Amino acid sequence: MIKIINLNEKTLEEIKINENNCINCKKCYNSCPMMSKYSSSPKELMKKIITDKGVDKNIPYSCSSCEVCNLKCPKDIKIKEMFYDMRKDIFNNDKKNINDIGYNSVKFHQINSFSPIFSKSFSNKSTKKLFFPGCSLSSYSPEIVLKAYEYLKKNIDDLSIAFKCCGKPTLSMGDVDKFKIYYSQVENLFLENKIEEVIVACPNCFNTIKKYSKSVKVKTIWEVINENSIPKNLINHYNDLDIKFSLHDPCPIRYEPKIHDSVRLILKSMGIKIVEFDKSRENTECCGSGGMLRVTNPKLALEQTNKRASEAKTDTVISYCESCCEAMMIANKNTLHILDFMFNDNVINKSKFTQDKTSTIKKWKNRYKSIKLIKN
């Protein structure tokens, strides 16, 4: 039986404004992985929420926050933000109701991510720049994180590293107050060590730090590599490969053309032949992991993952988000992270062109190992 969760007047008023502005062209609806599961049109969906003065919690918690709706809307209605406001409202007023859609799993992840066991900074006041590899890359390969850091240090004199979570899972669930507590650890790290620039490997870290730490400049590792060139031994290294790779752009950075360009220039310089998805760059689609969807609605997440994987025109998908790589492996695609081409010996030796699926326990072990590999 569907339970309607009451929404506050402010949230309902915002939905009314959106419903009035909506021309029901269905451009957002036809692109969204979720809305067709709950209504026949976006206008109908909003009208029902207004009439009920509440919402089925599964609706906002089935939004992947991919922003394809905002991209398509001719009236510039911020639909993603509307669903997220519902999440915040539900969490603030009735958070017991989200325990059965994965909130406890998120709490477990975040408590451990911010514990001293899995969180450590090697920063000091003599370094002004910081490499922030993020949770997913550290969970995948401590060796790649270490080699990426060593590469960056060769090109950047005043660089240090920090193993921290940006707190995005907590923020995604609508727990803004807890996110502020968690993120204060990250912000204090930047301020206390007078960090001026943060180099990230994760698209979600890029967005979160860019939004919540105005005192620092945020760049992706792709921009840095593109500015400094790849290692000389990798220039045109993959020219002789007959394999072509489908390049998946992560949806959190759909509006970052400089990052899209940097990635493609890096791949080209290594001699890697890529095939674009029909929907790429700004028009990319979610891999199924956005908005904590794999936790809050795993069935829908899997449907979206399989859909996106089926759109690849080659047997192997590559991406520059490790969460996206994991999603493609769920759909049984051969999958590589772009850093695999630079720092994974099996790939460099051309003996293996896919990652291995990793258990949850192994991921936590890898995060612990990532910290232990750093010597300075």
Protein backbone atom coordinates (compact mmCIF):
# COMPACT_ATOMS: atom_id res chain seq x y z
CA MET A 1 0.00 0.00 0.00
CA ILE A 2 1.36 3.44 -0.98
CA LYS A 3 1.81 5.81 1.94
CA ILE A 4 1.61 9.53 1.18
CA ILE A 5 4.18 11.57 3.13
CA ASN A 6 2.98 15.09 3.94
CA LEU A 7 5.00 17.97 2.50
CA ASN A 8 5.34 21.41 4.05
CA GLU A 9 3.70 24.51 2.59
CA LYS A 10 6.91 25.93 1.17
CA THR A 11 7.64 22.76 -0.81
CA LEU A 12 4.03 22.55 -2.03
CA GLU A 13 4.09 26.20 -3.10
CA GLU A 14 7.21 25.59 -5.20
CA ILE A 15 5.50 22.60 -6.84
CA LYS A 16 2.44 24.76 -7.61
CA ILE A 17 4.63 27.33 -9.34
CA ASN A 18 6.29 24.61 -11.39
CA GLU A 19 2.93 23.06 -12.28
CA ASN A 20 1.61 26.44 -13.46
CA ASN A 21 4.70 27.02 -15.61
CA CYS A 22 4.72 23.50 -17.05
CA ILE A 23 3.36 23.32 -20.63
CA ASN A 24 3.27 19.51 -20.49
CA CYS A 25 5.47 19.10 -23.55
CA LYS A 26 6.82 15.92 -21.92
CA LYS A 27 10.39 16.59 -23.02
CA CYS A 28 11.59 15.99 -19.47
CA TYR A 29 9.21 13.07 -19.00
CA ASN A 30 10.39 11.29 -22.15
CA SER A 31 14.03 11.58 -21.06
CA CYS A 32 13.64 10.74 -17.38
CA PRO A 33 14.29 7.15 -16.18
CA MET A 34 11.75 7.59 -13.39
CA MET A 35 8.66 9.73 -14.04
CA SER A 36 6.88 7.30 -16.36
CA LYS A 37 6.82 4.77 -13.49
CA TYR A 38 4.56 7.05 -11.46
CA SER A 39 2.44 9.15 -13.85
CA SER A 40 1.43 9.79 -17.44
CA SER A 41 2.93 13.29 -17.52
CA PRO A 42 4.96 15.66 -15.32
CA LYS A 43 1.99 18.03 -14.98
CA GLU A 44 -0.26 15.21 -13.80
CA LEU A 45 2.39 14.13 -11.29
CA MET A 46 2.69 17.63 -9.83
CA LYS A 47 -1.11 18.10 -9.72
CA LYS A 48 -1.52 14.87 -7.74
CA ILE A 49 1.15 15.91 -5.22
CA ILE A 50 -0.59 19.28 -4.78
CA THR A 51 -4.01 17.62 -4.35
CA ASP A 52 -2.67 15.05 -1.88
CA LYS A 53 -0.54 17.70 -0.11
CA GLY A 54 2.09 15.00 -0.02
CA VAL A 55 3.98 12.45 -2.06
CA ASP A 56 4.79 8.77 -2.31
CA LYS A 57 8.35 8.81 -0.92
CA ASN A 58 9.48 6.50 -3.73
CA ILE A 59 8.97 9.28 -6.27
CA PRO A 60 11.63 11.77 -5.09
CA TYR A 61 13.89 8.92 -3.98
CA SER A 62 13.71 7.45 -7.49
CA CYS A 63 15.18 10.61 -9.03
CA SER A 64 18.78 10.02 -10.10
CA SER A 65 19.59 13.76 -9.95
CA CYS A 66 21.04 13.42 -13.45
CA GLU A 67 19.57 16.79 -14.57
CA VAL A 68 18.48 15.54 -17.97
CA CYS A 69 15.04 16.95 -17.09
CA ASN A 70 16.47 20.43 -16.53
CA LEU A 71 18.41 20.14 -19.77
CA LYS A 72 15.27 19.35 -21.78
CA CYS A 73 12.75 21.72 -20.19
CA PRO A 74 11.91 24.68 -22.51
CA LYS A 75 10.46 26.62 -19.55
CA ASP A 76 13.60 26.25 -17.43
CA ILE A 77 11.73 24.50 -14.62
CA LYS A 78 14.23 23.09 -12.12
CA ILE A 79 12.68 19.65 -11.84
CA LYS A 80 15.70 17.96 -10.29
CA GLU A 81 15.74 20.60 -7.55
CA MET A 82 12.00 20.08 -7.00
CA PHE A 83 12.46 16.37 -6.33
CA TYR A 84 15.45 17.07 -4.12
CA ASP A 85 13.45 19.58 -2.08
CA MET A 86 10.92 16.79 -1.50
CA ARG A 87 13.74 14.58 -0.23
CA LYS A 88 14.86 17.25 2.21
CA ASP A 89 11.27 17.81 3.35
CA ILE A 90 10.66 14.08 3.93
CA PHE A 91 13.95 13.70 5.76
CA ASN A 92 13.40 16.69 8.03
CA ASN A 93 9.82 15.84 8.92
CA ASP A 94 9.52 12.07 8.73
CA LYS A 95 12.96 10.46 8.29
CA LYS A 96 11.80 7.15 9.80
CA ASN A 97 10.02 6.56 6.51
CA ILE A 98 13.25 6.29 4.53
CA ASN A 99 14.87 3.55 6.61
CA ASP A 100 13.43 0.95 4.26
CA ILE A 101 14.89 2.61 1.16
CA GLY A 102 18.53 2.40 2.09
CA TYR A 103 19.15 5.20 4.57
CA ASN A 104 20.81 2.87 7.06
CA SER A 105 23.22 1.69 4.37
CA VAL A 106 24.13 5.29 3.60
CA LYS A 107 24.66 6.03 7.31
CA PHE A 108 26.96 3.01 7.62
CA HIS A 109 28.98 4.13 4.60
CA GLN A 110 29.32 7.69 5.85
CA ILE A 111 30.19 6.86 9.45
CA ASN A 112 33.01 4.65 8.22
CA SER A 113 34.10 7.05 5.48
CA PHE A 114 34.65 9.82 8.01
CA SER A 115 36.27 7.59 10.63
CA PRO A 116 40.05 7.85 11.25
CA ILE A 117 40.47 4.35 9.78
CA PHE A 118 39.42 5.39 6.28
CA SER A 119 40.05 9.13 6.42
CA LYS A 120 43.47 10.76 6.62
CA SER A 121 45.20 13.89 5.38
CA PHE A 122 48.87 14.14 4.48
CA SER A 123 48.58 17.87 3.99
CA ASN A 124 50.69 20.53 5.67
CA LYS A 125 51.04 24.29 5.46
CA SER A 126 54.00 24.03 3.05
CA THR A 127 51.76 22.70 0.28
CA LYS A 128 49.10 24.82 -1.36
CA LYS A 129 47.57 22.17 -3.60
CA LEU A 130 45.82 18.97 -2.62
CA PHE A 131 45.00 15.75 -4.48
CA PHE A 132 41.56 14.48 -3.39
CA PRO A 133 41.11 11.04 -5.05
CA GLY A 134 37.69 10.34 -3.48
CA CYS A 135 36.04 7.20 -2.16
CA SER A 136 35.28 5.20 -5.31
CA LEU A 137 38.75 5.36 -6.90
CA SER A 138 40.44 4.48 -3.60
CA SER A 139 37.99 1.59 -3.21
CA TYR A 140 38.91 0.28 -6.65
CA SER A 141 42.72 0.50 -6.78
CA PRO A 142 45.14 1.80 -4.15
CA GLU A 143 47.97 1.27 -6.64
CA ILE A 144 46.37 3.54 -9.25
CA VAL A 145 45.76 6.22 -6.61
CA LEU A 146 49.42 6.05 -5.55
CA LYS A 147 50.73 6.18 -9.13
CA ALA A 148 48.39 9.05 -10.00
CA TYR A 149 49.66 10.94 -6.95
CA GLU A 150 53.28 10.28 -7.92
CA TYR A 151 52.56 11.52 -11.45
CA LEU A 152 50.96 14.69 -10.10
CA LYS A 153 53.85 15.35 -7.72
CA LYS A 154 56.32 15.21 -10.62
CA ASN A 155 54.38 18.03 -12.26
CA ILE A 156 53.25 20.01 -9.20
CA ASP A 157 55.80 21.03 -6.58
CA ASP A 158 53.54 22.01 -3.71
CA LEU A 159 51.16 19.04 -3.67
CA SER A 160 49.89 16.82 -0.88
CA ILE A 161 47.06 14.26 -0.67
CA ALA A 162 43.99 13.67 1.50
CA PHE A 163 41.76 10.61 1.74
CA LYS A 164 38.40 12.11 2.58
CA CYS A 165 34.78 11.65 1.56
CA CYS A 166 33.02 14.76 0.28
CA GLY A 167 29.79 13.72 2.03
CA LYS A 168 27.74 13.53 -1.16
CA PRO A 169 25.84 10.34 -0.15
CA THR A 170 24.47 12.08 2.96
CA LEU A 171 23.62 15.20 0.99
CA SER A 172 21.87 13.15 -1.71
CA MET A 173 19.56 11.56 0.85
CA GLY A 174 18.37 15.00 1.95
CA ASP A 175 20.18 15.02 5.30
CA VAL A 176 21.53 18.55 4.94
CA ASP A 177 22.34 19.08 8.62
CA LYS A 178 24.44 15.93 8.87
CA PHE A 179 26.13 16.79 5.58
CA LYS A 180 27.19 20.16 7.01
CA ILE A 181 28.75 18.40 10.00
CA TYR A 182 30.61 15.96 7.77
CA TYR A 183 31.67 18.56 5.22
CA SER A 184 33.02 20.86 7.94
CA GLN A 185 35.87 18.32 8.29
CA VAL A 186 36.72 18.80 4.62
CA GLU A 187 36.40 22.58 4.75
CA ASN A 188 38.53 22.80 7.91
CA LEU A 189 41.21 20.72 6.19
CA PHE A 190 41.37 23.27 3.37
CA LEU A 191 41.32 26.30 5.67
CA GLU A 192 43.75 25.05 8.33
CA ASN A 193 46.32 24.06 5.71
CA LYS A 194 45.71 27.15 3.56
CA ILE A 195 44.94 25.02 0.53
CA GLU A 196 44.45 27.07 -2.62
CA GLU A 197 43.68 24.36 -5.17
CA VAL A 198 42.08 20.91 -4.95
CA ILE A 199 42.60 18.32 -7.69
CA VAL A 200 39.83 15.71 -7.79
CA ALA A 201 39.31 12.41 -9.61
CA CYS A 202 35.59 12.09 -8.86
CA PRO A 203 32.84 14.09 -10.62
CA ASN A 204 30.73 14.24 -7.46
CA CYS A 205 33.68 15.53 -5.43
CA PHE A 206 34.21 18.15 -8.13
CA ASN A 207 30.65 19.47 -7.81
CA THR A 208 30.47 19.23 -4.02
CA ILE A 209 33.77 20.99 -3.31
CA LYS A 210 33.12 23.58 -5.99
CA LYS A 211 29.77 24.45 -4.40
CA TYR A 212 30.65 24.30 -0.71
CA SER A 213 34.29 25.47 -0.60
CA LYS A 214 34.43 28.86 -2.26
CA SER A 215 37.91 29.53 -0.86
CA VAL A 216 39.61 26.95 -3.09
CA LYS A 217 39.94 26.41 -6.81
CA VAL A 218 38.76 22.97 -7.93
CA LYS A 219 40.21 21.16 -10.94
CA THR A 220 39.90 17.63 -12.20
CA ILE A 221 42.92 15.42 -12.67
CA TRP A 222 41.99 15.35 -16.38
CA GLU A 223 42.62 19.05 -16.78
CA VAL A 224 45.96 18.74 -14.98
CA ILE A 225 47.08 15.78 -17.09
CA ASN A 226 46.05 17.58 -20.25
CA GLU A 227 48.04 20.65 -19.22
CA ASN A 228 51.18 18.67 -18.35
CA SER A 229 51.02 15.82 -20.91
CA ILE A 230 50.82 12.11 -20.28
CA PRO A 231 53.99 10.13 -19.42
CA LYS A 232 56.23 9.97 -22.50
CA ASN A 233 56.14 6.17 -22.64
CA LEU A 234 52.35 6.29 -23.14
CA ILE A 235 52.26 8.70 -26.07
CA ASN A 236 50.61 6.71 -28.91
CA HIS A 237 51.14 3.58 -26.80
CA TYR A 238 47.78 2.09 -27.80
CA ASN A 239 47.95 2.95 -31.50
CA ASP A 240 48.31 -0.70 -32.47
CA LEU A 241 45.15 -1.83 -30.68
CA ASP A 242 42.30 -3.08 -32.84
CA ILE A 243 39.92 -2.54 -29.91
CA LYS A 244 37.57 0.44 -29.88
CA PHE A 245 36.12 1.79 -26.67
CA SER A 246 32.77 3.48 -25.97
CA LEU A 247 33.31 6.61 -23.86
CA HIS A 248 30.69 7.30 -21.20
CA ASP A 249 30.55 10.84 -19.78
CA PRO A 250 29.42 11.02 -16.12
CA CYS A 251 26.21 13.01 -15.69
CA PRO A 252 27.32 15.12 -12.67
CA ILE A 253 29.64 17.09 -14.97
CA ARG A 254 27.40 17.31 -18.04
CA TYR A 255 27.92 21.10 -18.10
CA GLU A 256 31.74 20.99 -17.98
CA PRO A 257 32.96 21.04 -21.61
CA LYS A 258 36.56 21.74 -20.56
CA ILE A 259 36.62 18.42 -18.71
CA HIS A 260 35.01 16.59 -21.64
CA ASP A 261 37.65 18.02 -23.97
CA SER A 262 40.54 17.21 -21.63
CA VAL A 263 39.49 13.57 -21.37
CA ARG A 264 39.26 13.17 -25.12
CA LEU A 265 42.62 14.83 -25.72
CA ILE A 266 44.27 12.51 -23.18
CA LEU A 267 42.78 9.43 -24.84
CA LYS A 268 43.80 10.66 -28.28
CA SER A 269 47.38 11.28 -27.14
CA MET A 270 47.60 7.67 -25.96
CA GLY A 271 46.28 6.39 -29.28
CA ILE A 272 43.03 5.06 -27.84
CA LYS A 273 40.22 4.79 -30.36
CA ILE A 274 36.93 5.91 -28.87
CA VAL A 275 33.36 5.66 -30.12
CA GLU A 276 30.91 8.22 -28.77
CA PHE A 277 27.53 7.29 -27.35
CA ASP A 278 24.69 8.92 -29.27
CA LYS A 279 24.04 10.85 -26.05
CA SER A 280 27.35 12.18 -24.84
CA ARG A 281 28.94 15.21 -23.23
CA GLU A 282 26.14 17.59 -22.14
CA ASN A 283 23.48 15.14 -23.34
CA THR A 284 24.88 12.11 -21.54
CA GLU A 285 22.60 9.74 -19.61
CA CYS A 286 22.96 8.51 -16.04
CA CYS A 287 24.66 5.15 -15.47
CA GLY A 288 22.02 4.30 -12.84
CA SER A 289 24.07 5.29 -9.79
CA GLY A 290 23.11 8.97 -9.54
CA GLY A 291 21.23 10.32 -6.54
CA MET A 292 22.01 7.16 -4.53
CA LEU A 293 19.48 5.40 -6.77
CA ARG A 294 21.27 2.07 -6.45
CA VAL A 295 20.39 2.21 -2.74
CA THR A 296 16.97 3.87 -2.81
CA ASN A 297 15.50 2.06 -5.82
CA PRO A 298 17.83 -0.76 -6.95
CA LYS A 299 15.36 -2.16 -9.48
CA LEU A 300 15.09 1.15 -11.32
CA ALA A 301 18.85 1.67 -11.04
CA LEU A 302 19.47 -1.68 -12.72
CA GLU A 303 17.01 -0.87 -15.52
CA GLN A 304 18.80 2.41 -16.20
CA THR A 305 22.23 0.76 -16.03
CA ASN A 306 21.21 -1.91 -18.53
CA LYS A 307 19.67 0.73 -20.80
CA ARG A 308 22.79 2.87 -20.80
CA ALA A 309 25.09 -0.12 -21.30
CA SER A 310 22.97 -1.31 -24.23
CA GLU A 311 23.58 2.02 -25.96
CA ALA A 312 27.33 1.40 -26.11
CA LYS A 313 28.50 0.64 -29.64
CA THR A 314 31.47 -1.49 -28.56
CA ASP A 315 32.11 -4.37 -26.18
CA THR A 316 34.14 -2.25 -23.77
CA VAL A 317 33.03 0.94 -22.03
CA ILE A 318 35.45 3.43 -20.53
CA SER A 319 34.66 6.30 -18.21
CA TYR A 320 36.33 8.79 -15.89
CA CYS A 321 34.08 8.08 -12.92
CA GLU A 322 34.73 4.85 -11.04
CA SER A 323 31.08 4.61 -9.94
CA CYS A 324 30.10 4.69 -13.62
CA CYS A 325 32.67 1.96 -14.31
CA GLU A 326 31.15 -0.20 -11.59
CA ALA A 327 27.70 0.38 -13.08
CA MET A 328 28.80 -0.81 -16.51
CA MET A 329 30.28 -3.95 -14.93
CA ILE A 330 26.91 -4.64 -13.29
CA ALA A 331 25.55 -4.72 -16.86
CA ASN A 332 28.32 -7.22 -17.71
CA LYS A 333 30.24 -4.82 -19.91
CA ASN A 334 34.02 -4.93 -20.13
CA THR A 335 34.89 -1.71 -18.36
CA LEU A 336 37.94 0.47 -17.70
CA HIS A 337 38.63 3.73 -15.95
CA ILE A 338 40.79 6.12 -17.97
CA LEU A 339 43.45 5.98 -15.25
CA ASP A 340 43.69 2.24 -15.97
CA PHE A 341 45.29 3.14 -19.30
CA MET A 342 47.91 5.22 -17.52
CA PHE A 343 48.65 3.34 -14.30
CA ASN A 344 47.32 -0.25 -14.51
CA ASP A 345 50.18 -2.57 -15.52
CA ASN A 346 47.84 -5.19 -17.01
CA VAL A 347 46.32 -2.59 -19.31
CA ILE A 348 49.64 -0.96 -20.17
CA ASN A 349 51.00 -4.41 -21.04
CA LYS A 350 47.87 -4.94 -23.15
CA SER A 351 47.11 -8.23 -21.45
CA LYS A 352 43.72 -7.28 -19.95
CA PHE A 353 41.13 -4.70 -20.88
CA THR A 354 38.54 -4.86 -18.13
CA GLN A 355 38.31 -4.32 -14.40
CA ASP A 356 37.37 -7.12 -12.03
CA LYS A 357 34.22 -6.87 -9.96
CA THR A 358 35.09 -6.06 -6.35
CA SER A 359 33.21 -7.13 -3.22
CA THR A 360 32.14 -4.55 -0.64
CA ILE A 361 34.62 -5.91 1.91
CA LYS A 362 37.45 -5.68 -0.62
CA LYS A 363 36.52 -2.08 -1.36
CA TRP A 364 36.88 -1.13 2.29
CA LYS A 365 40.20 -2.99 2.46
CA ASN A 366 41.38 -1.09 -0.60
CA ARG A 367 40.48 2.23 0.98
CA TYR A 368 42.50 1.31 4.06
CA LYS A 369 45.40 0.15 1.88
CA SER A 370 45.32 3.39 -0.12
CA ILE A 371 46.16 5.34 3.03
CA LYS A 372 48.90 2.92 4.08
CA LEU A 373 50.65 3.18 0.70
CA ILE A 374 51.37 6.89 1.17
CA LYS A 375 54.77 7.44 2.78
CA ASN A 376 55.00 11.18 3.28
